[in-house]
Amino acid sequence: LRRPISLNDEVRNPVKLAAMGARWALNKGGALTVGAGQVGGAACTQHAIGGRPDVQFNVMPLSVDKPGEPLHRYSGFTASVWQSHAKSRGTVQCRSADPLDQPRIVPNYFAETIDRKTVVAGLQMLREIFDQKSFRGLVESEVLPGPEFAGEEGLWRFAQMHGGTVFHCVGTCRMGGADAVVDPELRVRGIDRLRVADASVMPVVTSANTNAASIMIGEKGAHHILSRSQAG
């Protein structure tokens, strides 16, 4: 950024950092009380079907090499993109007969060509957004991907090197017909008195973050249980 207006600058300044902490301690306000991603949006790439957004954007007023590391010593922000409706499918399997053993999880990211194309298209859209005239007085340069990752092939290499999950995996206990794990009331088929009420029952991932939909599923599951209890 051309001006010191990011959280990078606030954190590097001891006085401003102390003020942030004091504001949180005194009235639970300020930068320490909000999420890192303060601007978001959904969009359709050229691969979207039926006008249904196939990517999401997230903008944070800070920049860092990777989560957990110190913020950069220059003023910066981070804009990221992820695919809303991945076609690739992974697996979750038992590792052993021990119920306490960690499962074997194979996410299988980017197994489908359309997923690779969609993410690359989303990265291209981000570049186009921040290359608009209205941003040129604010943005000094692109650090990542940077000029060395040009074109579709370059952006695909960048996605492979720097991509990460946003933890929106769903569908390991999907709801559906007779061959699905749970029925429309979230009951596990073949096992009495057991329901699943989380994102794992979604047949496909939602168009946005899974949090709100997961809360709704929990509320619906509670309603089913209470209704049966009250019915006797």
C-alpha atoms as a PDB file:
ATOM      1  CA  LEU A   1       0.000   0.000   0.000  1.00  0.00           C
ATOM      2  CA  ARG A   2       1.126   3.565  -0.632  1.00  0.00           C
ATOM      3  CA  ARG A   3      -0.132   4.758   2.773  1.00  0.00           C
ATOM      4  CA  PRO A   4       0.295   3.273   6.283  1.00  0.00           C
ATOM      5  CA  ILE A   5      -3.344   2.298   6.801  1.00  0.00           C
ATOM      6  CA  SER A   6      -3.176  -1.460   7.395  1.00  0.00           C
ATOM      7  CA  LEU A   7      -3.056  -3.519  10.575  1.00  0.00           C
ATOM      8  CA  ASN A   8       0.596  -4.171   9.739  1.00  0.00           C
ATOM      9  CA  ASP A   9       1.285  -0.545  10.630  1.00  0.00           C
ATOM     10  CA  GLU A  10      -0.844  -0.631  13.788  1.00  0.00           C
ATOM     11  CA  VAL A  11       0.910  -3.719  15.134  1.00  0.00           C
ATOM     12  CA  ARG A  12       4.415  -2.390  14.413  1.00  0.00           C
ATOM     13  CA  ASN A  13       3.742   0.812  16.365  1.00  0.00           C
ATOM     14  CA  PRO A  14       4.061   0.084  20.132  1.00  0.00           C
ATOM     15  CA  VAL A  15       1.785   2.984  21.075  1.00  0.00           C
ATOM     16  CA  LYS A  16      -0.943   1.965  18.633  1.00  0.00           C
ATOM     17  CA  LEU A  17      -0.605  -1.676  19.648  1.00  0.00           C
ATOM     18  CA  ALA A  18      -1.006  -0.744  23.307  1.00  0.00           C
ATOM     19  CA  ALA A  19      -4.032   1.384  22.426  1.00  0.00           C
ATOM     20  CA  MET A  20      -5.605  -1.573  20.636  1.00  0.00           C
ATOM     21  CA  GLY A  21      -5.138  -3.724  23.715  1.00  0.00           C
ATOM     22  CA  ALA A  22      -6.488  -1.028  26.028  1.00  0.00           C
ATOM     23  CA  ARG A  23      -9.573  -0.490  23.897  1.00  0.00           C
ATOM     24  CA  TRP A  24     -10.333  -4.192  23.997  1.00  0.00           C
ATOM     25  CA  ALA A  25      -9.738  -4.416  27.767  1.00  0.00           C
ATOM     26  CA  LEU A  26     -11.830  -1.354  28.618  1.00  0.00           C
ATOM     27  CA  ASN A  27     -14.841  -1.608  26.312  1.00  0.00           C
ATOM     28  CA  LYS A  28     -14.351  -4.778  24.253  1.00  0.00           C
ATOM     29  CA  GLY A  29     -14.040  -2.737  21.069  1.00  0.00           C
ATOM     30  CA  GLY A  30     -11.547  -2.084  18.307  1.00  0.00           C
ATOM     31  CA  ALA A  31      -9.543  -4.178  15.886  1.00  0.00           C
ATOM     32  CA  LEU A  32      -9.067  -7.069  18.320  1.00  0.00           C
ATOM     33  CA  THR A  33     -12.813  -7.752  18.383  1.00  0.00           C
ATOM     34  CA  VAL A  34     -13.394  -8.266  14.657  1.00  0.00           C
ATOM     35  CA  GLY A  35     -12.474 -11.061  12.299  1.00  0.00           C
ATOM     36  CA  ALA A  36      -9.473 -10.809  10.028  1.00  0.00           C
ATOM     37  CA  GLY A  37     -11.596 -10.942   6.886  1.00  0.00           C
ATOM     38  CA  GLN A  38     -13.564  -7.701   6.966  1.00  0.00           C
ATOM     39  CA  VAL A  39     -14.695  -7.536   3.341  1.00  0.00           C
ATOM     40  CA  GLY A  40     -16.118 -10.403   1.331  1.00  0.00           C
ATOM     41  CA  GLY A  41     -18.111 -11.132  -1.752  1.00  0.00           C
ATOM     42  CA  ALA A  42     -19.266 -13.736  -4.237  1.00  0.00           C
ATOM     43  CA  ALA A  43     -18.854 -13.696  -7.999  1.00  0.00           C
ATOM     44  CA  CYS A  44     -19.362 -15.726 -11.140  1.00  0.00           C
ATOM     45  CA  THR A  45     -16.365 -16.708 -13.220  1.00  0.00           C
ATOM     46  CA  GLN A  46     -16.794 -17.747 -16.841  1.00  0.00           C
ATOM     47  CA  HIS A  47     -17.262 -21.296 -15.530  1.00  0.00           C
ATOM     48  CA  ALA A  48     -20.307 -20.493 -13.368  1.00  0.00           C
ATOM     49  CA  ILE A  49     -23.540 -22.286 -14.241  1.00  0.00           C
ATOM     50  CA  GLY A  50     -26.925 -20.587 -14.291  1.00  0.00           C
ATOM     51  CA  GLY A  51     -25.721 -17.352 -12.712  1.00  0.00           C
ATOM     52  CA  ARG A  52     -24.787 -19.162  -9.501  1.00  0.00           C
ATOM     53  CA  PRO A  53     -21.620 -17.639  -7.969  1.00  0.00           C
ATOM     54  CA  ASP A  54     -18.776 -20.137  -8.080  1.00  0.00           C
ATOM     55  CA  VAL A  55     -16.093 -18.198  -6.157  1.00  0.00           C
ATOM     56  CA  GLN A  56     -15.881 -16.207  -2.944  1.00  0.00           C
ATOM     57  CA  PHE A  57     -13.502 -13.363  -2.126  1.00  0.00           C
ATOM     58  CA  ASN A  58     -12.124 -12.357   1.246  1.00  0.00           C
ATOM     59  CA  VAL A  59     -10.109  -9.206   1.998  1.00  0.00           C
ATOM     60  CA  MET A  60      -8.061  -8.695   5.168  1.00  0.00           C
ATOM     61  CA  PRO A  61      -6.444  -5.364   6.205  1.00  0.00           C
ATOM     62  CA  LEU A  62      -3.129  -7.120   6.888  1.00  0.00           C
ATOM     63  CA  SER A  63      -0.526  -9.236   5.135  1.00  0.00           C
ATOM     64  CA  VAL A  64       1.551 -12.189   6.286  1.00  0.00           C
ATOM     65  CA  ASP A  65       3.507 -15.006   4.672  1.00  0.00           C
ATOM     66  CA  LYS A  66       1.376 -17.657   6.377  1.00  0.00           C
ATOM     67  CA  PRO A  67      -0.926 -17.876   9.433  1.00  0.00           C
ATOM     68  CA  GLY A  68       0.882 -17.706  12.755  1.00  0.00           C
ATOM     69  CA  GLU A  69       3.848 -15.699  11.480  1.00  0.00           C
ATOM     70  CA  PRO A  70       4.472 -11.987  12.203  1.00  0.00           C
ATOM     71  CA  LEU A  71       2.771  -9.455   9.968  1.00  0.00           C
ATOM     72  CA  HIS A  72       4.877  -7.926   7.220  1.00  0.00           C
ATOM     73  CA  ARG A  73       6.970  -4.869   8.014  1.00  0.00           C
ATOM     74  CA  TYR A  74       5.378  -2.916   5.184  1.00  0.00           C
ATOM     75  CA  SER A  75       1.819  -1.680   4.796  1.00  0.00           C
ATOM     76  CA  GLY A  76      -0.243  -4.308   3.033  1.00  0.00           C
ATOM     77  CA  PHE A  77      -3.497  -6.191   2.692  1.00  0.00           C
ATOM     78  CA  THR A  78      -4.472  -9.684   1.569  1.00  0.00           C
ATOM     79  CA  ALA A  79      -7.199 -10.661  -0.882  1.00  0.00           C
ATOM     80  CA  SER A  80      -7.973 -14.343  -1.349  1.00  0.00           C
ATOM     81  CA  VAL A  81     -10.334 -16.460  -3.411  1.00  0.00           C
ATOM     82  CA  TRP A  82     -11.804 -19.905  -3.004  1.00  0.00           C
ATOM     83  CA  GLN A  83     -14.105 -22.048  -5.071  1.00  0.00           C
ATOM     84  CA  SER A  84     -17.683 -22.355  -3.826  1.00  0.00           C
ATOM     85  CA  HIS A  85     -18.729 -25.576  -5.542  1.00  0.00           C
ATOM     86  CA  ALA A  86     -15.777 -27.907  -5.929  1.00  0.00           C
ATOM     87  CA  LYS A  87     -16.385 -30.979  -8.070  1.00  0.00           C
ATOM     88  CA  SER A  88     -13.470 -32.954  -6.606  1.00  0.00           C
ATOM     89  CA  ARG A  89     -14.385 -35.527  -3.978  1.00  0.00           C
ATOM     90  CA  GLY A  90     -12.210 -36.827  -1.157  1.00  0.00           C
ATOM     91  CA  THR A  91     -12.519 -39.721   1.276  1.00  0.00           C
ATOM     92  CA  VAL A  92     -12.601 -40.328   5.033  1.00  0.00           C
ATOM     93  CA  GLN A  93     -11.738 -43.861   6.148  1.00  0.00           C
ATOM     94  CA  CYS A  94     -11.073 -45.720   9.390  1.00  0.00           C
ATOM     95  CA  ARG A  95      -7.351 -46.173   9.900  1.00  0.00           C
ATOM     96  CA  SER A  96      -7.759 -49.150  12.227  1.00  0.00           C
ATOM     97  CA  ALA A  97     -10.240 -50.930  14.512  1.00  0.00           C
ATOM     98  CA  ASP A  98      -9.241 -48.565  17.331  1.00  0.00           C
ATOM     99  CA  PRO A  99     -12.031 -45.938  17.667  1.00  0.00           C
ATOM    100  CA  LEU A 100      -9.503 -43.462  19.101  1.00  0.00           C
ATOM    101  CA  ASP A 101      -7.181 -43.729  16.098  1.00  0.00           C
ATOM    102  CA  GLN A 102      -7.180 -40.703  13.786  1.00  0.00           C
ATOM    103  CA  PRO A 103      -9.136 -41.301  10.563  1.00  0.00           C
ATOM    104  CA  ARG A 104      -7.413 -41.341   7.195  1.00  0.00           C
ATOM    105  CA  ILE A 105      -8.538 -38.153   5.426  1.00  0.00           C
ATOM    106  CA  VAL A 106      -7.753 -37.670   1.730  1.00  0.00           C
ATOM    107  CA  PRO A 107      -9.183 -34.296   0.580  1.00  0.00           C
ATOM    108  CA  ASN A 108      -8.244 -34.880  -3.066  1.00  0.00           C
ATOM    109  CA  TYR A 109      -8.109 -31.175  -3.872  1.00  0.00           C
ATOM    110  CA  PHE A 110      -8.116 -30.178  -7.555  1.00  0.00           C
ATOM    111  CA  ALA A 111      -8.721 -33.710  -8.799  1.00  0.00           C
ATOM    112  CA  GLU A 112     -11.210 -32.282 -11.311  1.00  0.00           C
ATOM    113  CA  THR A 113      -9.994 -29.993 -14.086  1.00  0.00           C
ATOM    114  CA  ILE A 114     -12.915 -27.587 -13.628  1.00  0.00           C
ATOM    115  CA  ASP A 115     -11.789 -26.903 -10.052  1.00  0.00           C
ATOM    116  CA  ARG A 116      -8.353 -25.839 -11.241  1.00  0.00           C
ATOM    117  CA  LYS A 117      -9.850 -23.629 -13.943  1.00  0.00           C
ATOM    118  CA  THR A 118     -12.284 -21.982 -11.525  1.00  0.00           C
ATOM    119  CA  VAL A 119      -9.647 -21.094  -8.932  1.00  0.00           C
ATOM    120  CA  VAL A 120      -7.354 -19.669 -11.609  1.00  0.00           C
ATOM    121  CA  ALA A 121     -10.263 -17.626 -12.995  1.00  0.00           C
ATOM    122  CA  GLY A 122     -10.960 -16.314  -9.484  1.00  0.00           C
ATOM    123  CA  LEU A 123      -7.346 -15.221  -9.082  1.00  0.00           C
ATOM    124  CA  GLN A 124      -7.532 -13.454 -12.435  1.00  0.00           C
ATOM    125  CA  MET A 125     -10.671 -11.630 -11.270  1.00  0.00           C
ATOM    126  CA  LEU A 126      -8.882 -10.435  -8.127  1.00  0.00           C
ATOM    127  CA  ARG A 127      -6.055  -9.053 -10.227  1.00  0.00           C
ATOM    128  CA  GLU A 128      -8.536  -7.238 -12.443  1.00  0.00           C
ATOM    129  CA  ILE A 129     -10.356  -5.765  -9.435  1.00  0.00           C
ATOM    130  CA  PHE A 130      -7.237  -4.297  -7.845  1.00  0.00           C
ATOM    131  CA  ASP A 131      -5.945  -3.057 -11.178  1.00  0.00           C
ATOM    132  CA  GLN A 132      -8.939  -0.727 -11.483  1.00  0.00           C
ATOM    133  CA  LYS A 133      -8.254   2.997 -11.628  1.00  0.00           C
ATOM    134  CA  SER A 134      -9.865   3.563  -8.217  1.00  0.00           C
ATOM    135  CA  PHE A 135      -7.226   1.365  -6.551  1.00  0.00           C
ATOM    136  CA  ARG A 136      -4.132   2.643  -8.344  1.00  0.00           C
ATOM    137  CA  GLY A 137      -3.611   5.502  -5.907  1.00  0.00           C
ATOM    138  CA  LEU A 138      -3.723   3.044  -3.013  1.00  0.00           C
ATOM    139  CA  VAL A 139      -1.984  -0.122  -4.214  1.00  0.00           C
ATOM    140  CA  GLU A 140       1.737   0.260  -4.825  1.00  0.00           C
ATOM    141  CA  SER A 141       2.541  -3.265  -6.007  1.00  0.00           C
ATOM    142  CA  GLU A 142       1.428  -6.894  -5.984  1.00  0.00           C
ATOM    143  CA  VAL A 143       3.704  -8.956  -3.726  1.00  0.00           C
ATOM    144  CA  LEU A 144       2.012 -12.321  -4.248  1.00  0.00           C
ATOM    145  CA  PRO A 145       1.459 -13.834  -6.741  1.00  0.00           C
ATOM    146  CA  GLY A 146       3.690 -11.163  -8.281  1.00  0.00           C
ATOM    147  CA  PRO A 147       4.865 -10.803 -11.888  1.00  0.00           C
ATOM    148  CA  GLU A 148       6.643 -14.180 -11.877  1.00  0.00           C
ATOM    149  CA  PHE A 149       3.238 -15.909 -11.813  1.00  0.00           C
ATOM    150  CA  ALA A 150       1.765 -14.606 -15.055  1.00  0.00           C
ATOM    151  CA  GLY A 151      -1.067 -16.060 -17.107  1.00  0.00           C
ATOM    152  CA  GLU A 152      -3.208 -19.092 -16.348  1.00  0.00           C
ATOM    153  CA  GLU A 153      -0.270 -21.481 -16.014  1.00  0.00           C
ATOM    154  CA  GLY A 154       1.521 -19.142 -13.636  1.00  0.00           C
ATOM    155  CA  LEU A 155      -1.540 -18.671 -11.440  1.00  0.00           C
ATOM    156  CA  TRP A 156      -2.108 -22.433 -11.334  1.00  0.00           C
ATOM    157  CA  ARG A 157       1.481 -22.911 -10.126  1.00  0.00           C
ATOM    158  CA  PHE A 158       0.880 -20.223  -7.504  1.00  0.00           C
ATOM    159  CA  ALA A 159      -2.311 -21.940  -6.312  1.00  0.00           C
ATOM    160  CA  GLN A 160      -0.443 -25.226  -5.940  1.00  0.00           C
ATOM    161  CA  MET A 161       2.380 -23.595  -3.995  1.00  0.00           C
ATOM    162  CA  HIS A 162       0.405 -21.278  -1.718  1.00  0.00           C
ATOM    163  CA  GLY A 163      -3.164 -22.589  -1.624  1.00  0.00           C
ATOM    164  CA  GLY A 164      -4.798 -23.771   1.597  1.00  0.00           C
ATOM    165  CA  THR A 165      -8.119 -25.022   2.893  1.00  0.00           C
ATOM    166  CA  VAL A 166     -10.901 -22.798   4.223  1.00  0.00           C
ATOM    167  CA  PHE A 167     -12.358 -25.764   6.133  1.00  0.00           C
ATOM    168  CA  HIS A 168     -15.662 -25.985   4.260  1.00  0.00           C
ATOM    169  CA  CYS A 169     -15.563 -29.747   3.754  1.00  0.00           C
ATOM    170  CA  VAL A 170     -18.996 -31.430   3.849  1.00  0.00           C
ATOM    171  CA  GLY A 171     -20.845 -34.580   2.895  1.00  0.00           C
ATOM    172  CA  THR A 172     -19.194 -37.433   4.806  1.00  0.00           C
ATOM    173  CA  CYS A 173     -22.619 -38.426   6.224  1.00  0.00           C
ATOM    174  CA  ARG A 174     -24.780 -36.977   3.490  1.00  0.00           C
ATOM    175  CA  MET A 175     -28.554 -36.753   3.643  1.00  0.00           C
ATOM    176  CA  GLY A 176     -30.492 -38.340   0.839  1.00  0.00           C
ATOM    177  CA  GLY A 177     -32.362 -41.395  -0.388  1.00  0.00           C
ATOM    178  CA  ALA A 178     -32.218 -44.973   0.849  1.00  0.00           C
ATOM    179  CA  ASP A 179     -28.523 -45.299  -0.011  1.00  0.00           C
ATOM    180  CA  ALA A 180     -27.506 -42.174   1.982  1.00  0.00           C
ATOM    181  CA  VAL A 181     -26.178 -42.167   5.553  1.00  0.00           C
ATOM    182  CA  VAL A 182     -28.951 -40.086   7.140  1.00  0.00           C
ATOM    183  CA  ASP A 183     -32.624 -39.567   6.360  1.00  0.00           C
ATOM    184  CA  PRO A 184     -34.438 -36.188   6.111  1.00  0.00           C
ATOM    185  CA  GLU A 185     -34.761 -36.110   9.923  1.00  0.00           C
ATOM    186  CA  LEU A 186     -30.988 -36.552  10.372  1.00  0.00           C
ATOM    187  CA  ARG A 187     -31.377 -40.122  11.665  1.00  0.00           C
ATOM    188  CA  VAL A 188     -28.556 -42.527  10.823  1.00  0.00           C
ATOM    189  CA  ARG A 189     -30.005 -45.371   8.812  1.00  0.00           C
ATOM    190  CA  GLY A 190     -29.654 -48.756  10.475  1.00  0.00           C
ATOM    191  CA  ILE A 191     -28.807 -47.379  13.942  1.00  0.00           C
ATOM    192  CA  ASP A 192     -31.506 -46.457  16.454  1.00  0.00           C
ATOM    193  CA  ARG A 193     -31.395 -43.247  18.500  1.00  0.00           C
ATOM    194  CA  LEU A 194     -28.488 -41.729  16.587  1.00  0.00           C
ATOM    195  CA  ARG A 195     -28.583 -38.546  14.523  1.00  0.00           C
ATOM    196  CA  VAL A 196     -25.958 -36.436  12.790  1.00  0.00           C
ATOM    197  CA  ALA A 197     -26.465 -32.665  12.888  1.00  0.00           C
ATOM    198  CA  ASP A 198     -23.550 -30.826  11.299  1.00  0.00           C
ATOM    199  CA  ALA A 199     -22.037 -29.973   7.917  1.00  0.00           C
ATOM    200  CA  SER A 200     -21.326 -33.636   7.185  1.00  0.00           C
ATOM    201  CA  VAL A 201     -25.002 -34.199   6.244  1.00  0.00           C
ATOM    202  CA  MET A 202     -24.911 -31.635   3.413  1.00  0.00           C
ATOM    203  CA  PRO A 203     -25.065 -33.453   0.045  1.00  0.00           C
ATOM    204  CA  VAL A 204     -23.069 -30.594  -1.511  1.00  0.00           C
ATOM    205  CA  VAL A 205     -21.273 -27.574  -0.105  1.00  0.00           C
ATOM    206  CA  THR A 206     -23.249 -24.356   0.286  1.00  0.00           C
ATOM    207  CA  SER A 207     -22.641 -21.322  -1.916  1.00  0.00           C
ATOM    208  CA  ALA A 208     -21.080 -19.497   1.031  1.00  0.00           C
ATOM    209  CA  ASN A 209     -19.443 -20.267   4.372  1.00  0.00           C
ATOM    210  CA  THR A 210     -20.871 -23.383   6.020  1.00  0.00           C
ATOM    211  CA  ASN A 211     -21.292 -21.853   9.496  1.00  0.00           C
ATOM    212  CA  ALA A 212     -24.829 -20.466   9.165  1.00  0.00           C
ATOM    213  CA  ALA A 213     -26.088 -23.579   7.386  1.00  0.00           C
ATOM    214  CA  SER A 214     -24.540 -25.788  10.089  1.00  0.00           C
ATOM    215  CA  ILE A 215     -26.313 -23.785  12.809  1.00  0.00           C
ATOM    216  CA  MET A 216     -29.590 -24.229  10.921  1.00  0.00           C
ATOM    217  CA  ILE A 217     -29.028 -27.982  10.681  1.00  0.00           C
ATOM    218  CA  GLY A 218     -28.434 -28.124  14.441  1.00  0.00           C
ATOM    219  CA  GLU A 219     -31.625 -26.152  15.094  1.00  0.00           C
ATOM    220  CA  LYS A 220     -33.583 -28.433  12.778  1.00  0.00           C
ATOM    221  CA  GLY A 221     -32.164 -31.527  14.470  1.00  0.00           C
ATOM    222  CA  ALA A 222     -33.151 -30.173  17.886  1.00  0.00           C
ATOM    223  CA  HIS A 223     -36.661 -29.508  16.556  1.00  0.00           C
ATOM    224  CA  HIS A 224     -37.013 -33.105  15.340  1.00  0.00           C
ATOM    225  CA  ILE A 225     -35.821 -34.509  18.680  1.00  0.00           C
ATOM    226  CA  LEU A 226     -38.100 -32.267  20.744  1.00  0.00           C
ATOM    227  CA  SER A 227     -41.079 -32.996  18.504  1.00  0.00           C
ATOM    228  CA  ARG A 228     -40.651 -36.735  18.952  1.00  0.00           C
ATOM    229  CA  SER A 229     -40.146 -36.341  22.708  1.00  0.00           C
ATOM    230  CA  GLN A 230     -43.277 -34.241  23.098  1.00  0.00           C
ATOM    231  CA  ALA A 231     -45.272 -36.670  20.965  1.00  0.00           C
ATOM    232  CA  GLY A 232     -44.624 -39.339  23.552  1.00  0.00           C
END
